[in-house]
């Protein structure tokens, strides 16, 4: 379905919900996703309309939104949906993402007090999604898999192999790498998979409205470990958080997590940096696919900073034996 057809489907849902046509519909950027979003200005209120051609993924999003909103977690209110058409209407959270504030710093080596306060609010909310959000959730609706298991990890690692290593011209022992990947995934499985894993927890998916963080784009969430989401947020490639800020935010997260569930700090940190490596491998694979194969400039331009992040991680937190 092209943009015009998606807009028509969303418009029809809006008219059904509001009882009148919109005053204006404006397409919103959707990064690398086939999903299409529109800001809809009506006579009385602005809302966001969404179209997702993947109906199973859309069903996961609708179910998770209702679940989280019902628990009082800060997600957009679901106003209306048409499941067969893959459309829905959501409360409008404005135009400012946390990422906008993160990348607008004049000095990328510094995080000011106001920005740090928002980062801390965000990172302290994460355990509530992971622990409280998992309660009563039917994980069978999660898509494409209900749990972040060893197979999921291998998919991420092979993403890196096929779209970075194999395109680089660098020789590597493919069987040896496969054996290493399987040992790595098997080790990570020991961290446990008993929580809600947001999957793409990063500042782009946090909107700032009313001075507080609101959370979007959790449709890829599933049952999984705690460490992955924290790694995703703190090592977002273009965020360039100073190492000292990362360490402080880890402390914020662990303090909040300890209020919700028994926590063994040493065991958590034992698995944290291995999950950072896994996340960076996945991100690099995605950038390779979107940037080199689909020829999308934004993703191609992200490859160098992603490689720099991996290099810096190797220097500061080298992998164990």
C-alpha atoms as a PDB file:
ATOM      1  CA  UNK A   1       0.000   0.000   0.000  1.00  0.00           C
ATOM      2  CA  UNK A   2       1.431   3.413  -0.964  1.00  0.00           C
ATOM      3  CA  UNK A   3       1.266   6.609   1.100  1.00  0.00           C
ATOM      4  CA  UNK A   4      -1.930   7.803  -0.587  1.00  0.00           C
ATOM      5  CA  UNK A   5      -3.747   4.525   0.088  1.00  0.00           C
ATOM      6  CA  UNK A   6      -2.496   4.478   3.694  1.00  0.00           C
ATOM      7  CA  UNK A   7      -3.643   8.068   4.171  1.00  0.00           C
ATOM      8  CA  UNK A   8      -7.080   7.197   2.800  1.00  0.00           C
ATOM      9  CA  UNK A   9      -7.434   4.251   5.194  1.00  0.00           C
ATOM     10  CA  UNK A  10      -6.372   6.368   8.184  1.00  0.00           C
ATOM     11  CA  UNK A  11      -8.681   9.189   7.107  1.00  0.00           C
ATOM     12  CA  UNK A  12     -11.633   6.775   6.998  1.00  0.00           C
ATOM     13  CA  UNK A  13     -10.902   5.612  10.537  1.00  0.00           C
ATOM     14  CA  UNK A  14     -10.623   9.209  11.735  1.00  0.00           C
ATOM     15  CA  UNK A  15     -13.989  10.145  10.209  1.00  0.00           C
ATOM     16  CA  UNK A  16     -15.584   7.096  11.801  1.00  0.00           C
ATOM     17  CA  UNK A  17     -14.130   8.066  15.197  1.00  0.00           C
ATOM     18  CA  UNK A  18     -14.591  11.852  15.090  1.00  0.00           C
ATOM     19  CA  UNK A  19     -17.797  12.007  13.019  1.00  0.00           C
ATOM     20  CA  UNK A  20     -16.264  14.661  10.780  1.00  0.00           C
ATOM     21  CA  UNK A  21     -13.354  14.894   8.320  1.00  0.00           C
ATOM     22  CA  UNK A  22      -9.939  16.124   9.422  1.00  0.00           C
ATOM     23  CA  UNK A  23      -8.864  19.687   8.752  1.00  0.00           C
ATOM     24  CA  UNK A  24      -5.367  18.549   7.731  1.00  0.00           C
ATOM     25  CA  UNK A  25      -3.259  15.391   7.574  1.00  0.00           C
ATOM     26  CA  UNK A  26       0.543  15.632   7.600  1.00  0.00           C
ATOM     27  CA  UNK A  27       2.799  12.592   6.961  1.00  0.00           C
ATOM     28  CA  UNK A  28       5.387  11.961   9.674  1.00  0.00           C
ATOM     29  CA  UNK A  29       8.803  10.421   9.155  1.00  0.00           C
ATOM     30  CA  UNK A  30       8.995   6.699   9.948  1.00  0.00           C
ATOM     31  CA  UNK A  31      12.749   5.930   9.691  1.00  0.00           C
ATOM     32  CA  UNK A  32      13.349   2.435   8.310  1.00  0.00           C
ATOM     33  CA  UNK A  33       9.873   1.065   8.926  1.00  0.00           C
ATOM     34  CA  UNK A  34       7.132   0.343   6.347  1.00  0.00           C
ATOM     35  CA  UNK A  35       4.668   1.733   8.880  1.00  0.00           C
ATOM     36  CA  UNK A  36       3.178   5.117   7.966  1.00  0.00           C
ATOM     37  CA  UNK A  37       2.198   7.850  10.404  1.00  0.00           C
ATOM     38  CA  UNK A  38       0.155  11.023  10.046  1.00  0.00           C
ATOM     39  CA  UNK A  39      -0.543  13.964  12.312  1.00  0.00           C
ATOM     40  CA  UNK A  40      -4.248  14.659  11.969  1.00  0.00           C
ATOM     41  CA  UNK A  41      -5.514  18.116  12.861  1.00  0.00           C
ATOM     42  CA  UNK A  42      -9.229  18.094  13.573  1.00  0.00           C
ATOM     43  CA  UNK A  43     -11.613  20.876  14.505  1.00  0.00           C
ATOM     44  CA  UNK A  44     -11.206  20.080  18.187  1.00  0.00           C
ATOM     45  CA  UNK A  45      -8.052  18.015  18.769  1.00  0.00           C
ATOM     46  CA  UNK A  46      -4.920  16.700  17.050  1.00  0.00           C
ATOM     47  CA  UNK A  47      -4.244  12.956  16.993  1.00  0.00           C
ATOM     48  CA  UNK A  48      -1.756  10.651  15.328  1.00  0.00           C
ATOM     49  CA  UNK A  49      -2.960   8.138  12.771  1.00  0.00           C
ATOM     50  CA  UNK A  50      -0.918   5.028  11.985  1.00  0.00           C
ATOM     51  CA  UNK A  51      -0.989   2.381   9.289  1.00  0.00           C
ATOM     52  CA  UNK A  52       0.937  -0.880   9.547  1.00  0.00           C
ATOM     53  CA  UNK A  53       0.809  -3.354   6.637  1.00  0.00           C
ATOM     54  CA  UNK A  54       2.058  -6.133   8.938  1.00  0.00           C
ATOM     55  CA  UNK A  55      -1.199  -7.075  10.649  1.00  0.00           C
ATOM     56  CA  UNK A  56       0.426  -9.428  13.174  1.00  0.00           C
ATOM     57  CA  UNK A  57       2.865  -6.749  14.271  1.00  0.00           C
ATOM     58  CA  UNK A  58      -0.004  -4.270  14.414  1.00  0.00           C
ATOM     59  CA  UNK A  59      -1.983  -6.637  16.628  1.00  0.00           C
ATOM     60  CA  UNK A  60       0.996  -6.882  18.979  1.00  0.00           C
ATOM     61  CA  UNK A  61       1.181  -3.073  19.156  1.00  0.00           C
ATOM     62  CA  UNK A  62      -2.536  -2.672  19.863  1.00  0.00           C
ATOM     63  CA  UNK A  63      -2.511  -5.336  22.573  1.00  0.00           C
ATOM     64  CA  UNK A  64       0.618  -3.963  24.245  1.00  0.00           C
ATOM     65  CA  UNK A  65      -0.721  -0.401  24.122  1.00  0.00           C
ATOM     66  CA  UNK A  66      -3.960  -1.390  25.837  1.00  0.00           C
ATOM     67  CA  UNK A  67      -2.065  -3.472  28.397  1.00  0.00           C
ATOM     68  CA  UNK A  68       0.471  -0.768  29.290  1.00  0.00           C
ATOM     69  CA  UNK A  69      -2.083   2.044  29.284  1.00  0.00           C
ATOM     70  CA  UNK A  70      -4.327  -0.001  31.563  1.00  0.00           C
ATOM     71  CA  UNK A  71      -1.438  -0.331  34.013  1.00  0.00           C
ATOM     72  CA  UNK A  72      -0.841   3.419  34.054  1.00  0.00           C
ATOM     73  CA  UNK A  73       2.436   3.263  32.150  1.00  0.00           C
ATOM     74  CA  UNK A  74       3.171   6.360  30.013  1.00  0.00           C
ATOM     75  CA  UNK A  75       2.204   5.241  26.503  1.00  0.00           C
ATOM     76  CA  UNK A  76      -0.129   7.033  24.068  1.00  0.00           C
ATOM     77  CA  UNK A  77      -3.817   6.370  24.569  1.00  0.00           C
ATOM     78  CA  UNK A  78      -5.317   4.188  21.854  1.00  0.00           C
ATOM     79  CA  UNK A  79      -8.369   6.086  20.585  1.00  0.00           C
ATOM     80  CA  UNK A  80      -9.601   3.824  17.776  1.00  0.00           C
ATOM     81  CA  UNK A  81      -8.435   0.971  15.573  1.00  0.00           C
ATOM     82  CA  UNK A  82      -9.426  -0.998  12.476  1.00  0.00           C
ATOM     83  CA  UNK A  83      -7.595  -4.308  12.806  1.00  0.00           C
ATOM     84  CA  UNK A  84      -8.385  -5.693   9.305  1.00  0.00           C
ATOM     85  CA  UNK A  85      -6.981  -2.536   7.701  1.00  0.00           C
ATOM     86  CA  UNK A  86      -4.018  -2.176  10.072  1.00  0.00           C
ATOM     87  CA  UNK A  87      -4.928   1.365  11.125  1.00  0.00           C
ATOM     88  CA  UNK A  88      -5.253   3.081  14.482  1.00  0.00           C
ATOM     89  CA  UNK A  89      -5.550   6.514  16.087  1.00  0.00           C
ATOM     90  CA  UNK A  90      -3.397   7.532  19.046  1.00  0.00           C
ATOM     91  CA  UNK A  91      -3.173  10.498  21.377  1.00  0.00           C
ATOM     92  CA  UNK A  92      -0.729  13.067  20.014  1.00  0.00           C
ATOM     93  CA  UNK A  93       2.434  13.377  22.102  1.00  0.00           C
ATOM     94  CA  UNK A  94       3.865  16.317  20.162  1.00  0.00           C
ATOM     95  CA  UNK A  95       6.958  16.752  18.033  1.00  0.00           C
ATOM     96  CA  UNK A  96       9.846  16.568  20.493  1.00  0.00           C
ATOM     97  CA  UNK A  97      11.637  13.274  21.017  1.00  0.00           C
ATOM     98  CA  UNK A  98      14.263  12.731  23.670  1.00  0.00           C
ATOM     99  CA  UNK A  99      16.672  12.057  20.808  1.00  0.00           C
ATOM    100  CA  UNK A 100      16.089  15.611  19.518  1.00  0.00           C
ATOM    101  CA  UNK A 101      17.298  16.960  22.851  1.00  0.00           C
ATOM    102  CA  UNK A 102      20.193  14.492  23.076  1.00  0.00           C
ATOM    103  CA  UNK A 103      21.672  15.407  19.678  1.00  0.00           C
ATOM    104  CA  UNK A 104      21.099  19.153  20.074  1.00  0.00           C
ATOM    105  CA  UNK A 105      23.813  19.436  22.742  1.00  0.00           C
ATOM    106  CA  UNK A 106      26.385  22.075  21.820  1.00  0.00           C
ATOM    107  CA  UNK A 107      29.127  19.980  23.415  1.00  0.00           C
ATOM    108  CA  UNK A 108      28.562  16.265  22.856  1.00  0.00           C
ATOM    109  CA  UNK A 109      31.038  15.409  25.626  1.00  0.00           C
ATOM    110  CA  UNK A 110      28.718  16.986  28.207  1.00  0.00           C
ATOM    111  CA  UNK A 111      25.194  16.182  29.411  1.00  0.00           C
ATOM    112  CA  UNK A 112      23.595  19.172  31.153  1.00  0.00           C
ATOM    113  CA  UNK A 113      21.483  18.951  34.305  1.00  0.00           C
ATOM    114  CA  UNK A 114      18.114  19.365  32.570  1.00  0.00           C
ATOM    115  CA  UNK A 115      18.869  16.716  29.961  1.00  0.00           C
ATOM    116  CA  UNK A 116      20.282  14.363  32.577  1.00  0.00           C
ATOM    117  CA  UNK A 117      17.067  14.722  34.595  1.00  0.00           C
ATOM    118  CA  UNK A 118      15.032  13.595  31.552  1.00  0.00           C
ATOM    119  CA  UNK A 119      17.426  10.721  30.885  1.00  0.00           C
ATOM    120  CA  UNK A 120      17.166   9.629  34.512  1.00  0.00           C
ATOM    121  CA  UNK A 121      13.342   9.789  34.418  1.00  0.00           C
ATOM    122  CA  UNK A 122      13.400   7.694  31.264  1.00  0.00           C
ATOM    123  CA  UNK A 123      15.823   5.101  32.527  1.00  0.00           C
ATOM    124  CA  UNK A 124      13.966   4.795  35.842  1.00  0.00           C
ATOM    125  CA  UNK A 125      10.742   4.093  33.971  1.00  0.00           C
ATOM    126  CA  UNK A 126      12.296   1.193  32.046  1.00  0.00           C
ATOM    127  CA  UNK A 127      12.119  -1.335  34.930  1.00  0.00           C
ATOM    128  CA  UNK A 128       8.410  -0.591  35.282  1.00  0.00           C
ATOM    129  CA  UNK A 129       7.817  -1.740  31.707  1.00  0.00           C
ATOM    130  CA  UNK A 130      10.083  -4.738  32.189  1.00  0.00           C
ATOM    131  CA  UNK A 131       8.782  -5.950  35.552  1.00  0.00           C
ATOM    132  CA  UNK A 132       5.299  -4.505  36.052  1.00  0.00           C
ATOM    133  CA  UNK A 133       4.538  -4.539  32.323  1.00  0.00           C
ATOM    134  CA  UNK A 134       5.225  -8.279  32.192  1.00  0.00           C
ATOM    135  CA  UNK A 135       2.550  -9.044  34.798  1.00  0.00           C
ATOM    136  CA  UNK A 136      -0.571 -10.470  33.251  1.00  0.00           C
ATOM    137  CA  UNK A 137       0.758  -9.989  29.720  1.00  0.00           C
ATOM    138  CA  UNK A 138      -0.069 -12.681  27.173  1.00  0.00           C
ATOM    139  CA  UNK A 139       3.324 -13.025  25.503  1.00  0.00           C
ATOM    140  CA  UNK A 140       1.859 -15.186  22.766  1.00  0.00           C
ATOM    141  CA  UNK A 141       0.772 -11.988  20.988  1.00  0.00           C
ATOM    142  CA  UNK A 142       4.379 -10.783  20.702  1.00  0.00           C
ATOM    143  CA  UNK A 143       5.771 -10.717  17.172  1.00  0.00           C
ATOM    144  CA  UNK A 144       7.772 -12.092  15.418  1.00  0.00           C
ATOM    145  CA  UNK A 145       8.678 -14.258  18.424  1.00  0.00           C
ATOM    146  CA  UNK A 146       7.178 -14.432  21.896  1.00  0.00           C
ATOM    147  CA  UNK A 147      10.578 -14.674  23.602  1.00  0.00           C
ATOM    148  CA  UNK A 148      14.069 -13.364  22.931  1.00  0.00           C
ATOM    149  CA  UNK A 149      15.618 -16.814  22.833  1.00  0.00           C
ATOM    150  CA  UNK A 150      18.803 -18.297  21.385  1.00  0.00           C
ATOM    151  CA  UNK A 151      17.284 -18.361  17.893  1.00  0.00           C
ATOM    152  CA  UNK A 152      16.532 -14.624  18.130  1.00  0.00           C
ATOM    153  CA  UNK A 153      20.095 -13.900  19.191  1.00  0.00           C
ATOM    154  CA  UNK A 154      21.464 -15.931  16.278  1.00  0.00           C
ATOM    155  CA  UNK A 155      19.290 -13.939  13.882  1.00  0.00           C
ATOM    156  CA  UNK A 156      20.828 -10.717  15.234  1.00  0.00           C
ATOM    157  CA  UNK A 157      24.361 -12.076  15.050  1.00  0.00           C
ATOM    158  CA  UNK A 158      23.866 -13.367  11.509  1.00  0.00           C
ATOM    159  CA  UNK A 159      22.469  -9.975  10.518  1.00  0.00           C
ATOM    160  CA  UNK A 160      25.929  -8.642  11.372  1.00  0.00           C
ATOM    161  CA  UNK A 161      27.664 -11.485   9.536  1.00  0.00           C
ATOM    162  CA  UNK A 162      25.743 -11.176   6.283  1.00  0.00           C
ATOM    163  CA  UNK A 163      25.372  -7.400   6.010  1.00  0.00           C
ATOM    164  CA  UNK A 164      28.700  -6.265   7.491  1.00  0.00           C
ATOM    165  CA  UNK A 165      31.331  -9.003   7.460  1.00  0.00           C
ATOM    166  CA  UNK A 166      30.415 -10.580   4.136  1.00  0.00           C
ATOM    167  CA  UNK A 167      30.242  -7.183   2.429  1.00  0.00           C
ATOM    168  CA  UNK A 168      33.575  -6.023   3.844  1.00  0.00           C
ATOM    169  CA  UNK A 169      35.864  -8.325   1.885  1.00  0.00           C
ATOM    170  CA  UNK A 170      37.580  -9.322   5.125  1.00  0.00           C
ATOM    171  CA  UNK A 171      38.424 -13.030   5.346  1.00  0.00           C
ATOM    172  CA  UNK A 172      36.974 -14.902   8.316  1.00  0.00           C
ATOM    173  CA  UNK A 173      36.491 -18.516   9.285  1.00  0.00           C
ATOM    174  CA  UNK A 174      32.729 -18.864   8.862  1.00  0.00           C
ATOM    175  CA  UNK A 175      32.401 -22.120  10.763  1.00  0.00           C
ATOM    176  CA  UNK A 176      34.583 -20.792  13.554  1.00  0.00           C
ATOM    177  CA  UNK A 177      32.467 -17.647  13.734  1.00  0.00           C
ATOM    178  CA  UNK A 178      29.266 -19.706  13.788  1.00  0.00           C
ATOM    179  CA  UNK A 179      30.640 -21.764  16.677  1.00  0.00           C
ATOM    180  CA  UNK A 180      31.584 -18.584  18.553  1.00  0.00           C
ATOM    181  CA  UNK A 181      28.152 -17.060  17.940  1.00  0.00           C
ATOM    182  CA  UNK A 182      26.421 -20.150  19.287  1.00  0.00           C
ATOM    183  CA  UNK A 183      28.586 -20.180  22.420  1.00  0.00           C
ATOM    184  CA  UNK A 184      27.920 -16.461  22.875  1.00  0.00           C
ATOM    185  CA  UNK A 185      24.148 -16.862  22.512  1.00  0.00           C
ATOM    186  CA  UNK A 186      24.154 -19.857  24.857  1.00  0.00           C
ATOM    187  CA  UNK A 187      25.978 -17.796  27.482  1.00  0.00           C
ATOM    188  CA  UNK A 188      23.557 -14.878  27.160  1.00  0.00           C
ATOM    189  CA  UNK A 189      20.613 -17.228  27.626  1.00  0.00           C
ATOM    190  CA  UNK A 190      21.833 -17.782  31.196  1.00  0.00           C
ATOM    191  CA  UNK A 191      20.814 -14.188  32.029  1.00  0.00           C
ATOM    192  CA  UNK A 192      17.169 -15.319  32.012  1.00  0.00           C
ATOM    193  CA  UNK A 193      14.165 -14.358  29.889  1.00  0.00           C
ATOM    194  CA  UNK A 194      11.481 -13.584  32.467  1.00  0.00           C
ATOM    195  CA  UNK A 195      10.742  -9.908  31.806  1.00  0.00           C
ATOM    196  CA  UNK A 196       9.201  -7.691  29.141  1.00  0.00           C
ATOM    197  CA  UNK A 197      11.978  -6.744  26.713  1.00  0.00           C
ATOM    198  CA  UNK A 198      11.130  -3.538  24.850  1.00  0.00           C
ATOM    199  CA  UNK A 199      13.574  -4.560  22.081  1.00  0.00           C
ATOM    200  CA  UNK A 200      14.136  -1.055  20.631  1.00  0.00           C
ATOM    201  CA  UNK A 201      14.474   1.034  23.763  1.00  0.00           C
ATOM    202  CA  UNK A 202      16.246   4.175  22.572  1.00  0.00           C
ATOM    203  CA  UNK A 203      15.775   7.938  22.822  1.00  0.00           C
ATOM    204  CA  UNK A 204      14.128   8.105  19.368  1.00  0.00           C
ATOM    205  CA  UNK A 205      11.251   6.131  20.860  1.00  0.00           C
ATOM    206  CA  UNK A 206      10.739   8.465  23.793  1.00  0.00           C
ATOM    207  CA  UNK A 207       8.589  11.558  23.312  1.00  0.00           C
ATOM    208  CA  UNK A 208       8.773  14.499  25.702  1.00  0.00           C
ATOM    209  CA  UNK A 209       5.335  15.921  26.406  1.00  0.00           C
ATOM    210  CA  UNK A 210       4.388  17.981  29.430  1.00  0.00           C
ATOM    211  CA  UNK A 211       7.983  17.797  30.637  1.00  0.00           C
ATOM    212  CA  UNK A 212       7.927  14.011  31.051  1.00  0.00           C
ATOM    213  CA  UNK A 213       8.884  11.010  28.922  1.00  0.00           C
ATOM    214  CA  UNK A 214       6.278   8.978  26.989  1.00  0.00           C
ATOM    215  CA  UNK A 215       7.093   5.718  25.258  1.00  0.00           C
ATOM    216  CA  UNK A 216       6.311   4.543  21.730  1.00  0.00           C
ATOM    217  CA  UNK A 217       7.379   1.848  19.213  1.00  0.00           C
ATOM    218  CA  UNK A 218       7.350  -1.178  21.512  1.00  0.00           C
ATOM    219  CA  UNK A 219       5.604  -3.428  18.967  1.00  0.00           C
ATOM    220  CA  UNK A 220       8.714  -5.630  18.700  1.00  0.00           C
ATOM    221  CA  UNK A 221       8.698  -6.319  22.437  1.00  0.00           C
ATOM    222  CA  UNK A 222       8.687  -9.839  23.851  1.00  0.00           C
ATOM    223  CA  UNK A 223       9.719 -11.855  26.902  1.00  0.00           C
ATOM    224  CA  UNK A 224      13.444 -11.497  27.473  1.00  0.00           C
ATOM    225  CA  UNK A 225      16.336 -10.403  29.722  1.00  0.00           C
ATOM    226  CA  UNK A 226      16.670  -7.122  31.584  1.00  0.00           C
ATOM    227  CA  UNK A 227      20.077  -6.091  30.265  1.00  0.00           C
ATOM    228  CA  UNK A 228      19.271  -5.778  26.564  1.00  0.00           C
ATOM    229  CA  UNK A 229      17.043  -2.680  26.836  1.00  0.00           C
ATOM    230  CA  UNK A 230      19.472  -0.825  29.079  1.00  0.00           C
ATOM    231  CA  UNK A 231      22.267  -1.622  26.617  1.00  0.00           C
ATOM    232  CA  UNK A 232      20.127  -0.396  23.706  1.00  0.00           C
ATOM    233  CA  UNK A 233      19.485   2.939  25.387  1.00  0.00           C
ATOM    234  CA  UNK A 234      22.931   3.724  26.755  1.00  0.00           C
ATOM    235  CA  UNK A 235      24.785   2.679  23.605  1.00  0.00           C
ATOM    236  CA  UNK A 236      22.490   4.274  21.033  1.00  0.00           C
ATOM    237  CA  UNK A 237      25.005   5.085  18.327  1.00  0.00           C
ATOM    238  CA  UNK A 238      24.397   8.796  17.724  1.00  0.00           C
ATOM    239  CA  UNK A 239      23.605   9.687  21.333  1.00  0.00           C
ATOM    240  CA  UNK A 240      27.315   9.903  22.284  1.00  0.00           C
ATOM    241  CA  UNK A 241      26.730   9.670  26.027  1.00  0.00           C
ATOM    242  CA  UNK A 242      29.938  10.205  28.012  1.00  0.00           C
ATOM    243  CA  UNK A 243      31.076   7.086  29.849  1.00  0.00           C
ATOM    244  CA  UNK A 244      30.541   8.801  33.201  1.00  0.00           C
ATOM    245  CA  UNK A 245      26.927   9.578  32.275  1.00  0.00           C
ATOM    246  CA  UNK A 246      26.368   5.956  31.266  1.00  0.00           C
ATOM    247  CA  UNK A 247      27.683   4.749  34.616  1.00  0.00           C
ATOM    248  CA  UNK A 248      25.426   7.158  36.527  1.00  0.00           C
ATOM    249  CA  UNK A 249      22.406   6.059  34.504  1.00  0.00           C
ATOM    250  CA  UNK A 250      23.201   2.403  35.172  1.00  0.00           C
ATOM    251  CA  UNK A 251      23.059   3.309  38.866  1.00  0.00           C
ATOM    252  CA  UNK A 252      19.696   5.055  38.387  1.00  0.00           C
ATOM    253  CA  UNK A 253      18.320   1.993  36.618  1.00  0.00           C
ATOM    254  CA  UNK A 254      19.564  -0.506  39.193  1.00  0.00           C
ATOM    255  CA  UNK A 255      18.240   1.586  42.096  1.00  0.00           C
ATOM    256  CA  UNK A 256      14.756   1.643  40.525  1.00  0.00           C
ATOM    257  CA  UNK A 257      14.890  -2.015  39.524  1.00  0.00           C
ATOM    258  CA  UNK A 258      15.737  -3.019  43.085  1.00  0.00           C
ATOM    259  CA  UNK A 259      12.455  -1.449  44.241  1.00  0.00           C
ATOM    260  CA  UNK A 260      10.495  -3.783  41.961  1.00  0.00           C
ATOM    261  CA  UNK A 261      12.264  -7.133  42.063  1.00  0.00           C
ATOM    262  CA  UNK A 262      15.111  -8.858  43.959  1.00  0.00           C
ATOM    263  CA  UNK A 263      18.396  -7.851  42.327  1.00  0.00           C
ATOM    264  CA  UNK A 264      21.872  -9.334  42.318  1.00  0.00           C
ATOM    265  CA  UNK A 265      23.971  -6.387  41.136  1.00  0.00           C
ATOM    266  CA  UNK A 266      27.065  -8.449  40.350  1.00  0.00           C
ATOM    267  CA  UNK A 267      25.163 -11.000  38.274  1.00  0.00           C
ATOM    268  CA  UNK A 268      23.323  -8.245  36.374  1.00  0.00           C
ATOM    269  CA  UNK A 269      26.574  -6.517  35.423  1.00  0.00           C
ATOM    270  CA  UNK A 270      28.203  -9.821  34.474  1.00  0.00           C
ATOM    271  CA  UNK A 271      25.811 -10.012  31.536  1.00  0.00           C
ATOM    272  CA  UNK A 272      25.344  -6.315  30.804  1.00  0.00           C
ATOM    273  CA  UNK A 273      28.342  -5.623  28.555  1.00  0.00           C
ATOM    274  CA  UNK A 274      27.939  -8.868  26.583  1.00  0.00           C
ATOM    275  CA  UNK A 275      24.429  -7.615  25.758  1.00  0.00           C
ATOM    276  CA  UNK A 276      25.919  -4.288  24.679  1.00  0.00           C
ATOM    277  CA  UNK A 277      28.033  -6.217  22.154  1.00  0.00           C
ATOM    278  CA  UNK A 278      24.979  -8.147  20.959  1.00  0.00           C
ATOM    279  CA  UNK A 279      22.988  -4.926  20.494  1.00  0.00           C
ATOM    280  CA  UNK A 280      25.804  -3.249  18.566  1.00  0.00           C
ATOM    281  CA  UNK A 281      26.123  -6.292  16.291  1.00  0.00           C
ATOM    282  CA  UNK A 282      22.381  -6.105  15.604  1.00  0.00           C
ATOM    283  CA  UNK A 283      22.489  -2.360  14.951  1.00  0.00           C
ATOM    284  CA  UNK A 284      25.448  -2.686  12.604  1.00  0.00           C
ATOM    285  CA  UNK A 285      23.659  -5.418  10.682  1.00  0.00           C
ATOM    286  CA  UNK A 286      20.567  -3.228  10.384  1.00  0.00           C
ATOM    287  CA  UNK A 287      22.627  -0.262   9.208  1.00  0.00           C
ATOM    288  CA  UNK A 288      24.404  -2.472   6.691  1.00  0.00           C
ATOM    289  CA  UNK A 289      21.126  -3.773   5.290  1.00  0.00           C
ATOM    290  CA  UNK A 290      19.279  -0.449   5.242  1.00  0.00           C
ATOM    291  CA  UNK A 291      22.280   1.609   4.200  1.00  0.00           C
ATOM    292  CA  UNK A 292      24.274  -0.570   1.806  1.00  0.00           C
ATOM    293  CA  UNK A 293      21.533  -2.707   0.266  1.00  0.00           C
ATOM    294  CA  UNK A 294      18.488  -0.441   0.443  1.00  0.00           C
ATOM    295  CA  UNK A 295      20.670   2.633  -0.194  1.00  0.00           C
ATOM    296  CA  UNK A 296      19.146   4.749   2.559  1.00  0.00           C
ATOM    297  CA  UNK A 297      21.581   7.604   3.346  1.00  0.00           C
ATOM    298  CA  UNK A 298      20.632   7.969   7.024  1.00  0.00           C
ATOM    299  CA  UNK A 299      21.593   4.363   7.758  1.00  0.00           C
ATOM    300  CA  UNK A 300      24.700   4.372   5.580  1.00  0.00           C
ATOM    301  CA  UNK A 301      25.855   7.503   7.419  1.00  0.00           C
ATOM    302  CA  UNK A 302      25.391   5.732  10.737  1.00  0.00           C
ATOM    303  CA  UNK A 303      27.849   2.928   9.958  1.00  0.00           C
ATOM    304  CA  UNK A 304      31.007   4.869  10.866  1.00  0.00           C
ATOM    305  CA  UNK A 305      29.746   6.053  14.283  1.00  0.00           C
ATOM    306  CA  UNK A 306      28.456   2.551  14.991  1.00  0.00           C
ATOM    307  CA  UNK A 307      31.864   1.080  14.212  1.00  0.00           C
ATOM    308  CA  UNK A 308      33.450   3.740  16.423  1.00  0.00           C
ATOM    309  CA  UNK A 309      31.112   2.754  19.263  1.00  0.00           C
ATOM    310  CA  UNK A 310      32.121  -0.880  18.886  1.00  0.00           C
ATOM    311  CA  UNK A 311      35.809   0.063  18.823  1.00  0.00           C
ATOM    312  CA  UNK A 312      35.459   2.222  21.948  1.00  0.00           C
ATOM    313  CA  UNK A 313      33.625  -0.580  23.734  1.00  0.00           C
ATOM    314  CA  UNK A 314      36.442  -2.984  22.926  1.00  0.00           C
ATOM    315  CA  UNK A 315      38.899  -0.533  24.527  1.00  0.00           C
ATOM    316  CA  UNK A 316      36.885   0.265  27.650  1.00  0.00           C
ATOM    317  CA  UNK A 317      35.065  -3.020  28.275  1.00  0.00           C
ATOM    318  CA  UNK A 318      36.872  -5.778  26.367  1.00  0.00           C
ATOM    319  CA  UNK A 319      35.036  -9.114  26.236  1.00  0.00           C
ATOM    320  CA  UNK A 320      36.012 -11.737  28.793  1.00  0.00           C
ATOM    321  CA  UNK A 321      37.604 -15.096  28.000  1.00  0.00           C
END
